[in-house]
Amino acid sequence: MSHDAPYEIHMYAAVAKMGATGRYPAGEQHPLLVFLKQDPDSEHDFDMAMEVAQRNGWTDVDFTKAGTLPADAGENHVEPFHGCYMAAVQDGESILVYDTPVKAAPPKNKPANPT
C-alpha cells in the first residue's frame, strides 16, 4: 500500500464475551482485534468496529485502544495479522479473536476489593 492510498486500515483492540452461539462457549471472554478499511485521515469508527464484533457473535465489547496502521503494514507477512490486514483491504473489515480466554475485568464504577 502506498502512502497516498485512498484508504487506511484502522485496528481496534477489545475484550468481549461470546454470545449464545459461536465458536467458543457462551459467556467466555476473549481478546480480539477488529480491522476496518476507512477513509484517509478519518477518526476511529468505534460504532462500526462494534457492529463488526457483534455481527461475529460478540457481546459486552470493551474497546481498550485503537490505532491507524502504517501504510506499509500490508508488507508484513507475519500471520495471522497479514491475513486480517489483507481481508480488511479486500472486504472492508476483518476480525482476529485470540483463542485463550481471559478473566472478566471488575465492573466499572465499583471498587475491585470492597471493604
PDB file of N, CA and C in Angstrom:
ATOM      1  N   MET A   1       0.841  -1.165   0.000  1.00  0.00           N
ATOM      2  CA  MET A   1       0.000   0.000   0.000  1.00  0.00           C
ATOM      3  C   MET A   1       0.885   1.227   0.000  1.00  0.00           C
ATOM      4  N   SER A   2       0.668   2.132  -0.889  1.00  0.00           N
ATOM      5  CA  SER A   2       1.476   3.341  -0.949  1.00  0.00           C
ATOM      6  C   SER A   2       0.980   4.346   0.071  1.00  0.00           C
ATOM      7  N   HIS A   3       1.795   5.360   0.331  1.00  0.00           N
ATOM      8  CA  HIS A   3       1.429   6.366   1.312  1.00  0.00           C
ATOM      9  C   HIS A   3       0.284   7.245   0.831  1.00  0.00           C
ATOM     10  N   ASP A   4      -0.038   7.231  -0.460  1.00  0.00           N
ATOM     11  CA  ASP A   4      -1.145   8.029  -0.962  1.00  0.00           C
ATOM     12  C   ASP A   4      -2.344   7.146  -1.326  1.00  0.00           C
ATOM     13  N   ALA A   5      -2.461   6.015  -0.640  1.00  0.00           N
ATOM     14  CA  ALA A   5      -3.579   5.103  -0.888  1.00  0.00           C
ATOM     15  C   ALA A   5      -4.899   5.801  -0.551  1.00  0.00           C
ATOM     16  N   PRO A   6      -5.981   5.416  -1.224  1.00  0.00           N
ATOM     17  CA  PRO A   6      -7.281   6.053  -0.975  1.00  0.00           C
ATOM     18  C   PRO A   6      -7.971   5.524   0.290  1.00  0.00           C
ATOM     19  N   TYR A   7      -7.250   4.807   1.111  1.00  0.00           N
ATOM     20  CA  TYR A   7      -7.807   4.266   2.346  1.00  0.00           C
ATOM     21  C   TYR A   7      -6.675   4.041   3.341  1.00  0.00           C
ATOM     22  N   GLU A   8      -7.064   3.765   4.579  1.00  0.00           N
ATOM     23  CA  GLU A   8      -6.122   3.316   5.596  1.00  0.00           C
ATOM     24  C   GLU A   8      -6.826   2.248   6.423  1.00  0.00           C
ATOM     25  N   ILE A   9      -6.049   1.429   7.094  1.00  0.00           N
ATOM     26  CA  ILE A   9      -6.608   0.363   7.925  1.00  0.00           C
ATOM     27  C   ILE A   9      -6.476   0.767   9.388  1.00  0.00           C
ATOM     28  N   HIS A  10      -7.617   0.789  10.068  1.00  0.00           N
ATOM     29  CA  HIS A  10      -7.651   1.088  11.495  1.00  0.00           C
ATOM     30  C   HIS A  10      -7.830  -0.234  12.242  1.00  0.00           C
ATOM     31  N   MET A  11      -7.155  -0.360  13.379  1.00  0.00           N
ATOM     32  CA  MET A  11      -7.236  -1.570  14.180  1.00  0.00           C
ATOM     33  C   MET A  11      -7.741  -1.204  15.571  1.00  0.00           C
ATOM     34  N   TYR A  12      -8.700  -1.994  16.059  1.00  0.00           N
ATOM     35  CA  TYR A  12      -9.347  -1.759  17.345  1.00  0.00           C
ATOM     36  C   TYR A  12      -9.125  -2.969  18.241  1.00  0.00           C
ATOM     37  N   ALA A  13      -8.507  -2.768  19.391  1.00  0.00           N
ATOM     38  CA  ALA A  13      -8.311  -3.841  20.359  1.00  0.00           C
ATOM     39  C   ALA A  13      -9.466  -3.838  21.348  1.00  0.00           C
ATOM     40  N   ALA A  14      -9.958  -5.022  21.681  1.00  0.00           N
ATOM     41  CA  ALA A  14     -11.104  -5.124  22.589  1.00  0.00           C
ATOM     42  C   ALA A  14     -11.062  -6.441  23.347  1.00  0.00           C
ATOM     43  N   VAL A  15     -11.884  -6.500  24.367  1.00  0.00           N
ATOM     44  CA  VAL A  15     -12.182  -7.737  25.073  1.00  0.00           C
ATOM     45  C   VAL A  15     -13.696  -7.866  25.010  1.00  0.00           C
ATOM     46  N   ALA A  16     -14.186  -9.078  24.701  1.00  0.00           N
ATOM     47  CA  ALA A  16     -15.629  -9.262  24.536  1.00  0.00           C
ATOM     48  C   ALA A  16     -16.037 -10.662  24.974  1.00  0.00           C
ATOM     49  N   LYS A  17     -17.332 -10.820  25.206  1.00  0.00           N
ATOM     50  CA  LYS A  17     -17.891 -12.122  25.581  1.00  0.00           C
ATOM     51  C   LYS A  17     -18.544 -12.770  24.372  1.00  0.00           C
ATOM     52  N   MET A  18     -18.364 -14.082  24.280  1.00  0.00           N
ATOM     53  CA  MET A  18     -19.021 -14.843  23.220  1.00  0.00           C
ATOM     54  C   MET A  18     -20.507 -14.889  23.518  1.00  0.00           C
ATOM     55  N   GLY A  19     -21.307 -14.670  22.485  1.00  0.00           N
ATOM     56  CA  GLY A  19     -22.762 -14.709  22.628  1.00  0.00           C
ATOM     57  C   GLY A  19     -23.268 -16.138  22.772  1.00  0.00           C
ATOM     58  N   ALA A  20     -24.553 -16.319  22.558  1.00  0.00           N
ATOM     59  CA  ALA A  20     -25.204 -17.612  22.767  1.00  0.00           C
ATOM     60  C   ALA A  20     -24.704 -18.695  21.811  1.00  0.00           C
ATOM     61  N   THR A  21     -24.389 -18.308  20.592  1.00  0.00           N
ATOM     62  CA  THR A  21     -23.894 -19.301  19.632  1.00  0.00           C
ATOM     63  C   THR A  21     -22.615 -18.783  19.017  1.00  0.00           C
ATOM     64  N   GLY A  22     -21.630 -19.640  18.940  1.00  0.00           N
ATOM     65  CA  GLY A  22     -20.362 -19.247  18.353  1.00  0.00           C
ATOM     66  C   GLY A  22     -19.315 -20.330  18.526  1.00  0.00           C
ATOM     67  N   ARG A  23     -18.127 -19.979  18.187  1.00  0.00           N
ATOM     68  CA  ARG A  23     -17.004 -20.914  18.200  1.00  0.00           C
ATOM     69  C   ARG A  23     -16.553 -21.262  19.613  1.00  0.00           C
ATOM     70  N   TYR A  24     -16.832 -20.379  20.565  1.00  0.00           N
ATOM     71  CA  TYR A  24     -16.408 -20.556  21.951  1.00  0.00           C
ATOM     72  C   TYR A  24     -17.635 -20.712  22.841  1.00  0.00           C
ATOM     73  N   PRO A  25     -17.445 -21.222  24.070  1.00  0.00           N
ATOM     74  CA  PRO A  25     -18.596 -21.336  24.976  1.00  0.00           C
ATOM     75  C   PRO A  25     -19.232 -19.972  25.249  1.00  0.00           C
ATOM     76  N   ALA A  26     -20.561 -19.949  25.330  1.00  0.00           N
ATOM     77  CA  ALA A  26     -21.291 -18.705  25.591  1.00  0.00           C
ATOM     78  C   ALA A  26     -20.793 -18.080  26.888  1.00  0.00           C
ATOM     79  N   GLY A  27     -20.563 -16.781  26.853  1.00  0.00           N
ATOM     80  CA  GLY A  27     -20.115 -16.044  28.024  1.00  0.00           C
ATOM     81  C   GLY A  27     -18.612 -16.017  28.218  1.00  0.00           C
ATOM     82  N   GLU A  28     -17.889 -16.854  27.500  1.00  0.00           N
ATOM     83  CA  GLU A  28     -16.426 -16.863  27.627  1.00  0.00           C
ATOM     84  C   GLU A  28     -15.878 -15.562  27.041  1.00  0.00           C
ATOM     85  N   GLN A  29     -14.924 -14.980  27.727  1.00  0.00           N
ATOM     86  CA  GLN A  29     -14.387 -13.674  27.331  1.00  0.00           C
ATOM     87  C   GLN A  29     -13.035 -13.850  26.636  1.00  0.00           C
ATOM     88  N   HIS A  30     -12.877 -13.151  25.496  1.00  0.00           N
ATOM     89  CA  HIS A  30     -11.656 -13.268  24.696  1.00  0.00           C
ATOM     90  C   HIS A  30     -11.184 -11.895  24.228  1.00  0.00           C
ATOM     91  N   PRO A  31      -9.866 -11.721  24.106  1.00  0.00           N
ATOM     92  CA  PRO A  31      -9.356 -10.521  23.432  1.00  0.00           C
ATOM     93  C   PRO A  31      -9.561 -10.675  21.929  1.00  0.00           C
ATOM     94  N   LEU A  32      -9.778  -9.546  21.265  1.00  0.00           N
ATOM     95  CA  LEU A  32      -9.939  -9.583  19.815  1.00  0.00           C
ATOM     96  C   LEU A  32      -9.442  -8.279  19.197  1.00  0.00           C
ATOM     97  N   LEU A  33      -9.182  -8.349  17.909  1.00  0.00           N
ATOM     98  CA  LEU A  33      -8.791  -7.181  17.115  1.00  0.00           C
ATOM     99  C   LEU A  33      -9.752  -7.062  15.946  1.00  0.00           C
ATOM    100  N   VAL A  34     -10.271  -5.865  15.746  1.00  0.00           N
ATOM    101  CA  VAL A  34     -11.130  -5.579  14.594  1.00  0.00           C
ATOM    102  C   VAL A  34     -10.329  -4.679  13.658  1.00  0.00           C
ATOM    103  N   PHE A  35     -10.281  -5.044  12.389  1.00  0.00           N
ATOM    104  CA  PHE A  35      -9.597  -4.262  11.357  1.00  0.00           C
ATOM    105  C   PHE A  35     -10.661  -3.657  10.450  1.00  0.00           C
ATOM    106  N   LEU A  36     -10.592  -2.344  10.227  1.00  0.00           N
ATOM    107  CA  LEU A  36     -11.546  -1.663   9.351  1.00  0.00           C
ATOM    108  C   LEU A  36     -10.817  -0.845   8.292  1.00  0.00           C
ATOM    109  N   LYS A  37     -11.306  -0.896   7.070  1.00  0.00           N
ATOM    110  CA  LYS A  37     -10.815  -0.051   5.983  1.00  0.00           C
ATOM    111  C   LYS A  37     -11.585   1.262   6.046  1.00  0.00           C
ATOM    112  N   GLN A  38     -10.866   2.377   6.213  1.00  0.00           N
ATOM    113  CA  GLN A  38     -11.512   3.678   6.378  1.00  0.00           C
ATOM    114  C   GLN A  38     -10.870   4.708   5.456  1.00  0.00           C
ATOM    115  N   ASP A  39     -11.571   5.826   5.310  1.00  0.00           N
ATOM    116  CA  ASP A  39     -11.035   6.925   4.514  1.00  0.00           C
ATOM    117  C   ASP A  39      -9.766   7.469   5.166  1.00  0.00           C
ATOM    118  N   PRO A  40      -8.828   7.971   4.352  1.00  0.00           N
ATOM    119  CA  PRO A  40      -7.598   8.552   4.910  1.00  0.00           C
ATOM    120  C   PRO A  40      -7.908   9.680   5.896  1.00  0.00           C
ATOM    121  N   ASP A  41      -7.133   9.719   6.959  1.00  0.00           N
ATOM    122  CA  ASP A  41      -7.226  10.769   7.978  1.00  0.00           C
ATOM    123  C   ASP A  41      -8.583  10.813   8.684  1.00  0.00           C
ATOM    124  N   SER A  42      -9.343   9.725   8.645  1.00  0.00           N
ATOM    125  CA  SER A  42     -10.639   9.712   9.330  1.00  0.00           C
ATOM    126  C   SER A  42     -10.453   9.352  10.805  1.00  0.00           C
ATOM    127  N   GLU A  43     -11.445   9.749  11.600  1.00  0.00           N
ATOM    128  CA  GLU A  43     -11.456   9.391  13.019  1.00  0.00           C
ATOM    129  C   GLU A  43     -11.721   7.893  13.149  1.00  0.00           C
ATOM    130  N   HIS A  44     -11.335   7.320  14.281  1.00  0.00           N
ATOM    131  CA  HIS A  44     -11.640   5.915  14.529  1.00  0.00           C
ATOM    132  C   HIS A  44     -13.156   5.746  14.613  1.00  0.00           C
ATOM    133  N   ASP A  45     -13.677   4.728  13.960  1.00  0.00           N
ATOM    134  CA  ASP A  45     -15.114   4.481  13.902  1.00  0.00           C
ATOM    135  C   ASP A  45     -15.473   3.334  14.852  1.00  0.00           C
ATOM    136  N   PHE A  46     -15.592   3.678  16.139  1.00  0.00           N
ATOM    137  CA  PHE A  46     -15.893   2.666  17.148  1.00  0.00           C
ATOM    138  C   PHE A  46     -17.269   2.048  16.934  1.00  0.00           C
ATOM    139  N   ASP A  47     -18.213   2.802  16.403  1.00  0.00           N
ATOM    140  CA  ASP A  47     -19.545   2.243  16.141  1.00  0.00           C
ATOM    141  C   ASP A  47     -19.464   1.121  15.115  1.00  0.00           C
ATOM    142  N   MET A  48     -18.708   1.323  14.052  1.00  0.00           N
ATOM    143  CA  MET A  48     -18.568   0.283  13.036  1.00  0.00           C
ATOM    144  C   MET A  48     -17.786  -0.909  13.590  1.00  0.00           C
ATOM    145  N   ALA A  49     -16.752  -0.646  14.373  1.00  0.00           N
ATOM    146  CA  ALA A  49     -15.987  -1.738  14.983  1.00  0.00           C
ATOM    147  C   ALA A  49     -16.902  -2.570  15.892  1.00  0.00           C
ATOM    148  N   MET A  50     -17.770  -1.906  16.636  1.00  0.00           N
ATOM    149  CA  MET A  50     -18.730  -2.605  17.494  1.00  0.00           C
ATOM    150  C   MET A  50     -19.670  -3.456  16.653  1.00  0.00           C
ATOM    151  N   GLU A  51     -20.147  -2.892  15.545  1.00  0.00           N
ATOM    152  CA  GLU A  51     -21.047  -3.630  14.660  1.00  0.00           C
ATOM    153  C   GLU A  51     -20.381  -4.896  14.123  1.00  0.00           C
ATOM    154  N   VAL A  52     -19.122  -4.793  13.733  1.00  0.00           N
ATOM    155  CA  VAL A  52     -18.388  -5.956  13.221  1.00  0.00           C
ATOM    156  C   VAL A  52     -18.275  -7.020  14.310  1.00  0.00           C
ATOM    157  N   ALA A  53     -17.906  -6.610  15.521  1.00  0.00           N
ATOM    158  CA  ALA A  53     -17.772  -7.568  16.624  1.00  0.00           C
ATOM    159  C   ALA A  53     -19.115  -8.250  16.911  1.00  0.00           C
ATOM    160  N   GLN A  54     -20.177  -7.463  16.978  1.00  0.00           N
ATOM    161  CA  GLN A  54     -21.488  -8.030  17.282  1.00  0.00           C
ATOM    162  C   GLN A  54     -21.976  -8.947  16.165  1.00  0.00           C
ATOM    163  N   ARG A  55     -21.719  -8.581  14.934  1.00  0.00           N
ATOM    164  CA  ARG A  55     -22.112  -9.420  13.799  1.00  0.00           C
ATOM    165  C   ARG A  55     -21.401 -10.775  13.839  1.00  0.00           C
ATOM    166  N   ASN A  56     -20.236 -10.804  14.490  1.00  0.00           N
ATOM    167  CA  ASN A  56     -19.468 -12.036  14.615  1.00  0.00           C
ATOM    168  C   ASN A  56     -19.767 -12.773  15.920  1.00  0.00           C
ATOM    169  N   GLY A  57     -20.840 -12.372  16.610  1.00  0.00           N
ATOM    170  CA  GLY A  57     -21.298 -13.117  17.771  1.00  0.00           C
ATOM    171  C   GLY A  57     -20.793 -12.642  19.123  1.00  0.00           C
ATOM    172  N   TRP A  58     -20.149 -11.482  19.188  1.00  0.00           N
ATOM    173  CA  TRP A  58     -19.570 -10.999  20.438  1.00  0.00           C
ATOM    174  C   TRP A  58     -20.473  -9.983  21.117  1.00  0.00           C
ATOM    175  N   THR A  59     -20.518 -10.048  22.442  1.00  0.00           N
ATOM    176  CA  THR A  59     -21.312  -9.122  23.240  1.00  0.00           C
ATOM    177  C   THR A  59     -20.409  -8.460  24.275  1.00  0.00           C
ATOM    178  N   ASP A  60     -20.939  -7.481  24.962  1.00  0.00           N
ATOM    179  CA  ASP A  60     -20.193  -6.781  26.033  1.00  0.00           C
ATOM    180  C   ASP A  60     -18.797  -6.391  25.549  1.00  0.00           C
ATOM    181  N   VAL A  61     -18.730  -5.823  24.375  1.00  0.00           N
ATOM    182  CA  VAL A  61     -17.457  -5.458  23.760  1.00  0.00           C
ATOM    183  C   VAL A  61     -16.890  -4.222  24.468  1.00  0.00           C
ATOM    184  N   ASP A  62     -15.664  -4.344  24.952  1.00  0.00           N
ATOM    185  CA  ASP A  62     -14.983  -3.255  25.659  1.00  0.00           C
ATOM    186  C   ASP A  62     -13.704  -2.924  24.889  1.00  0.00           C
ATOM    187  N   PHE A  63     -13.724  -1.818  24.145  1.00  0.00           N
ATOM    188  CA  PHE A  63     -12.548  -1.415  23.384  1.00  0.00           C
ATOM    189  C   PHE A  63     -11.498  -0.835  24.333  1.00  0.00           C
ATOM    190  N   THR A  64     -10.272  -1.305  24.186  1.00  0.00           N
ATOM    191  CA  THR A  64      -9.186  -0.845  25.050  1.00  0.00           C
ATOM    192  C   THR A  64      -8.285   0.160  24.358  1.00  0.00           C
ATOM    193  N   LYS A  65      -8.179   0.073  23.035  1.00  0.00           N
ATOM    194  CA  LYS A  65      -7.430   1.070  22.273  1.00  0.00           C
ATOM    195  C   LYS A  65      -7.680   0.899  20.788  1.00  0.00           C
ATOM    196  N   ALA A  66      -7.281   1.920  20.037  1.00  0.00           N
ATOM    197  CA  ALA A  66      -7.423   1.897  18.583  1.00  0.00           C
ATOM    198  C   ALA A  66      -6.246   2.639  17.980  1.00  0.00           C
ATOM    199  N   GLY A  67      -5.926   2.278  16.751  1.00  0.00           N
ATOM    200  CA  GLY A  67      -4.841   2.956  16.064  1.00  0.00           C
ATOM    201  C   GLY A  67      -4.965   2.783  14.565  1.00  0.00           C
ATOM    202  N   THR A  68      -4.240   3.611  13.850  1.00  0.00           N
ATOM    203  CA  THR A  68      -4.182   3.528  12.400  1.00  0.00           C
ATOM    204  C   THR A  68      -2.881   2.837  12.037  1.00  0.00           C
ATOM    205  N   LEU A  69      -2.971   1.774  11.255  1.00  0.00           N
ATOM    206  CA  LEU A  69      -1.775   1.024  10.885  1.00  0.00           C
ATOM    207  C   LEU A  69      -0.959   1.806   9.865  1.00  0.00           C
ATOM    208  N   PRO A  70       0.359   1.651   9.908  1.00  0.00           N
ATOM    209  CA  PRO A  70       1.197   2.366   8.939  1.00  0.00           C
ATOM    210  C   PRO A  70       0.918   1.899   7.511  1.00  0.00           C
ATOM    211  N   ALA A  71       1.211   2.762   6.571  1.00  0.00           N
ATOM    212  CA  ALA A  71       0.923   2.486   5.162  1.00  0.00           C
ATOM    213  C   ALA A  71       1.615   1.224   4.650  1.00  0.00           C
ATOM    214  N   ASP A  72       2.746   0.849   5.227  1.00  0.00           N
ATOM    215  CA  ASP A  72       3.463  -0.337   4.764  1.00  0.00           C
ATOM    216  C   ASP A  72       3.102  -1.596   5.556  1.00  0.00           C
ATOM    217  N   ALA A  73       2.055  -1.551   6.383  1.00  0.00           N
ATOM    218  CA  ALA A  73       1.688  -2.704   7.210  1.00  0.00           C
ATOM    219  C   ALA A  73       1.336  -3.929   6.362  1.00  0.00           C
ATOM    220  N   GLY A  74       0.821  -3.736   5.177  1.00  0.00           N
ATOM    221  CA  GLY A  74       0.477  -4.854   4.311  1.00  0.00           C
ATOM    222  C   GLY A  74       1.683  -5.630   3.815  1.00  0.00           C
ATOM    223  N   GLU A  75       2.870  -5.062   3.956  1.00  0.00           N
ATOM    224  CA  GLU A  75       4.092  -5.742   3.535  1.00  0.00           C
ATOM    225  C   GLU A  75       4.609  -6.695   4.601  1.00  0.00           C
ATOM    226  N   ASN A  76       4.041  -6.619   5.806  1.00  0.00           N
ATOM    227  CA  ASN A  76       4.423  -7.524   6.894  1.00  0.00           C
ATOM    228  C   ASN A  76       3.680  -8.833   6.677  1.00  0.00           C
ATOM    229  N   HIS A  77       4.402  -9.902   6.420  1.00  0.00           N
ATOM    230  CA  HIS A  77       3.775 -11.176   6.091  1.00  0.00           C
ATOM    231  C   HIS A  77       3.689 -12.121   7.279  1.00  0.00           C
ATOM    232  N   VAL A  78       3.688 -11.575   8.484  1.00  0.00           N
ATOM    233  CA  VAL A  78       3.548 -12.397   9.680  1.00  0.00           C
ATOM    234  C   VAL A  78       2.058 -12.691   9.885  1.00  0.00           C
ATOM    235  N   GLU A  79       1.729 -13.970   9.969  1.00  0.00           N
ATOM    236  CA  GLU A  79       0.335 -14.363  10.193  1.00  0.00           C
ATOM    237  C   GLU A  79       0.070 -14.432  11.688  1.00  0.00           C
ATOM    238  N   PRO A  80      -1.125 -14.197  12.116  1.00  0.00           N
ATOM    239  CA  PRO A  80      -2.348 -14.038  11.336  1.00  0.00           C
ATOM    240  C   PRO A  80      -2.631 -12.593  10.928  1.00  0.00           C
ATOM    241  N   PHE A  81      -1.744 -11.662  11.309  1.00  0.00           N
ATOM    242  CA  PHE A  81      -2.001 -10.241  11.059  1.00  0.00           C
ATOM    243  C   PHE A  81      -2.067  -9.914   9.577  1.00  0.00           C
ATOM    244  N   HIS A  82      -1.192 -10.508   8.788  1.00  0.00           N
ATOM    245  CA  HIS A  82      -1.184 -10.224   7.360  1.00  0.00           C
ATOM    246  C   HIS A  82      -2.519 -10.606   6.720  1.00  0.00           C
ATOM    247  N   GLY A  83      -3.035 -11.786   7.056  1.00  0.00           N
ATOM    248  CA  GLY A  83      -4.316 -12.227   6.503  1.00  0.00           C
ATOM    249  C   GLY A  83      -5.460 -11.310   6.909  1.00  0.00           C
ATOM    250  N   CYS A  84      -5.453 -10.876   8.164  1.00  0.00           N
ATOM    251  CA  CYS A  84      -6.507  -9.964   8.642  1.00  0.00           C
ATOM    252  C   CYS A  84      -6.399  -8.608   7.950  1.00  0.00           C
ATOM    253  N   TYR A  85      -5.184  -8.123   7.809  1.00  0.00           N
ATOM    254  CA  TYR A  85      -4.967  -6.842   7.140  1.00  0.00           C
ATOM    255  C   TYR A  85      -5.469  -6.923   5.698  1.00  0.00           C
ATOM    256  N   MET A  86      -5.074  -7.966   4.992  1.00  0.00           N
ATOM    257  CA  MET A  86      -5.457  -8.095   3.585  1.00  0.00           C
ATOM    258  C   MET A  86      -6.967  -8.321   3.438  1.00  0.00           C
ATOM    259  N   ALA A  87      -7.582  -9.038   4.372  1.00  0.00           N
ATOM    260  CA  ALA A  87      -9.037  -9.216   4.329  1.00  0.00           C
ATOM    261  C   ALA A  87      -9.737  -7.873   4.513  1.00  0.00           C
ATOM    262  N   ALA A  88      -9.210  -7.017   5.395  1.00  0.00           N
ATOM    263  CA  ALA A  88      -9.793  -5.694   5.583  1.00  0.00           C
ATOM    264  C   ALA A  88      -9.637  -4.847   4.332  1.00  0.00           C
ATOM    265  N   VAL A  89      -8.500  -4.951   3.657  1.00  0.00           N
ATOM    266  CA  VAL A  89      -8.297  -4.216   2.406  1.00  0.00           C
ATOM    267  C   VAL A  89      -9.312  -4.683   1.367  1.00  0.00           C
ATOM    268  N   GLN A  90      -9.486  -5.995   1.246  1.00  0.00           N
ATOM    269  CA  GLN A  90     -10.379  -6.550   0.221  1.00  0.00           C
ATOM    270  C   GLN A  90     -11.852  -6.409   0.588  1.00  0.00           C
ATOM    271  N   ASP A  91     -12.205  -6.718   1.845  1.00  0.00           N
ATOM    272  CA  ASP A  91     -13.613  -6.803   2.243  1.00  0.00           C
ATOM    273  C   ASP A  91     -14.099  -5.622   3.078  1.00  0.00           C
ATOM    274  N   GLY A  92     -13.179  -4.763   3.498  1.00  0.00           N
ATOM    275  CA  GLY A  92     -13.558  -3.612   4.308  1.00  0.00           C
ATOM    276  C   GLY A  92     -13.472  -3.852   5.803  1.00  0.00           C
ATOM    277  N   GLU A  93     -13.373  -5.108   6.204  1.00  0.00           N
ATOM    278  CA  GLU A  93     -13.318  -5.437   7.628  1.00  0.00           C
ATOM    279  C   GLU A  93     -12.782  -6.842   7.830  1.00  0.00           C
ATOM    280  N   SER A  94     -12.266  -7.091   9.011  1.00  0.00           N
ATOM    281  CA  SER A  94     -11.912  -8.446   9.440  1.00  0.00           C
ATOM    282  C   SER A  94     -11.796  -8.433  10.952  1.00  0.00           C
ATOM    283  N   ILE A  95     -11.777  -9.623  11.524  1.00  0.00           N
ATOM    284  CA  ILE A  95     -11.679  -9.743  12.979  1.00  0.00           C
ATOM    285  C   ILE A  95     -10.736 -10.890  13.312  1.00  0.00           C
ATOM    286  N   LEU A  96      -9.921 -10.679  14.323  1.00  0.00           N
ATOM    287  CA  LEU A  96      -8.997 -11.690  14.824  1.00  0.00           C
ATOM    288  C   LEU A  96      -9.343 -11.914  16.282  1.00  0.00           C
ATOM    289  N   VAL A  97      -9.671 -13.154  16.633  1.00  0.00           N
ATOM    290  CA  VAL A  97     -10.011 -13.499  18.011  1.00  0.00           C
ATOM    291  C   VAL A  97      -8.915 -14.398  18.556  1.00  0.00           C
ATOM    292  N   TYR A  98      -8.417 -14.056  19.725  1.00  0.00           N
ATOM    293  CA  TYR A  98      -7.407 -14.881  20.384  1.00  0.00           C
ATOM    294  C   TYR A  98      -8.099 -16.043  21.075  1.00  0.00           C
ATOM    295  N   ASP A  99      -7.570 -17.257  20.891  1.00  0.00           N
ATOM    296  CA  ASP A  99      -8.214 -18.461  21.405  1.00  0.00           C
ATOM    297  C   ASP A  99      -8.220 -18.555  22.929  1.00  0.00           C
ATOM    298  N   THR A 100      -7.210 -18.002  23.588  1.00  0.00           N
ATOM    299  CA  THR A 100      -7.112 -18.125  25.038  1.00  0.00           C
ATOM    300  C   THR A 100      -8.063 -17.153  25.727  1.00  0.00           C
ATOM    301  N   PRO A 101      -9.017 -17.676  26.518  1.00  0.00           N
ATOM    302  CA  PRO A 101      -9.943 -16.783  27.211  1.00  0.00           C
ATOM    303  C   PRO A 101      -9.237 -15.986  28.303  1.00  0.00           C
ATOM    304  N   VAL A 102      -9.834 -14.871  28.674  1.00  0.00           N
ATOM    305  CA  VAL A 102      -9.307 -14.034  29.751  1.00  0.00           C
ATOM    306  C   VAL A 102     -10.394 -13.858  30.804  1.00  0.00           C
ATOM    307  N   LYS A 103      -9.966 -13.510  32.006  1.00  0.00           N
ATOM    308  CA  LYS A 103     -10.924 -13.263  33.083  1.00  0.00           C
ATOM    309  C   LYS A 103     -11.604 -11.922  32.840  1.00  0.00           C
ATOM    310  N   ALA A 104     -12.829 -11.852  33.252  1.00  0.00           N
ATOM    311  CA  ALA A 104     -13.583 -10.606  33.119  1.00  0.00           C
ATOM    312  C   ALA A 104     -12.978  -9.539  34.019  1.00  0.00           C
ATOM    313  N   ALA A 105     -12.974  -8.314  33.535  1.00  0.00           N
ATOM    314  CA  ALA A 105     -12.499  -7.188  34.339  1.00  0.00           C
ATOM    315  C   ALA A 105     -13.527  -6.895  35.418  1.00  0.00           C
ATOM    316  N   PRO A 106     -13.090  -6.305  36.532  1.00  0.00           N
ATOM    317  CA  PRO A 106     -14.068  -5.937  37.558  1.00  0.00           C
ATOM    318  C   PRO A 106     -15.069  -4.938  36.989  1.00  0.00           C
ATOM    319  N   PRO A 107     -16.309  -4.952  37.471  1.00  0.00           N
ATOM    320  CA  PRO A 107     -17.304  -3.993  36.973  1.00  0.00           C
ATOM    321  C   PRO A 107     -16.831  -2.562  37.167  1.00  0.00           C
ATOM    322  N   LYS A 108     -17.131  -1.715  36.194  1.00  0.00           N
ATOM    323  CA  LYS A 108     -16.746  -0.306  36.283  1.00  0.00           C
ATOM    324  C   LYS A 108     -17.602   0.386  37.333  1.00  0.00           C
ATOM    325  N   ASN A 109     -17.041   1.443  37.937  1.00  0.00           N
ATOM    326  CA  ASN A 109     -17.720   2.246  38.950  1.00  0.00           C
ATOM    327  C   ASN A 109     -17.955   1.494  40.253  1.00  0.00           C
ATOM    328  N   LYS A 110     -17.298   0.360  40.416  1.00  0.00           N
ATOM    329  CA  LYS A 110     -17.384  -0.376  41.675  1.00  0.00           C
ATOM    330  C   LYS A 110     -15.964  -0.686  42.131  1.00  0.00           C
ATOM    331  N   PRO A 111     -15.698  -0.658  43.411  1.00  0.00           N
ATOM    332  CA  PRO A 111     -14.352  -0.990  43.876  1.00  0.00           C
ATOM    333  C   PRO A 111     -14.018  -2.442  43.562  1.00  0.00           C
ATOM    334  N   ALA A 112     -12.762  -2.689  43.189  1.00  0.00           N
ATOM    335  CA  ALA A 112     -12.328  -4.042  42.859  1.00  0.00           C
ATOM    336  C   ALA A 112     -12.353  -4.933  44.105  1.00  0.00           C
ATOM    337  N   ASN A 113     -11.991  -4.379  45.256  1.00  0.00           N
ATOM    338  CA  ASN A 113     -11.979  -5.127  46.508  1.00  0.00           C
ATOM    339  C   ASN A 113     -12.776  -4.357  47.553  1.00  0.00           C
ATOM    340  N   PRO A 114     -14.084  -4.555  47.622  1.00  0.00           N
ATOM    341  CA  PRO A 114     -14.868  -3.800  48.592  1.00  0.00           C
ATOM    342  C   PRO A 114     -14.408  -4.117  50.022  1.00  0.00           C
ATOM    343  N   THR A 115     -14.440  -3.082  50.851  1.00  0.00           N
ATOM    344  CA  THR A 115     -14.005  -3.296  52.239  1.00  0.00           C
ATOM    345  C   THR A 115     -15.181  -3.268  53.165  1.00  0.00           C
TER     346      THR A 115
END
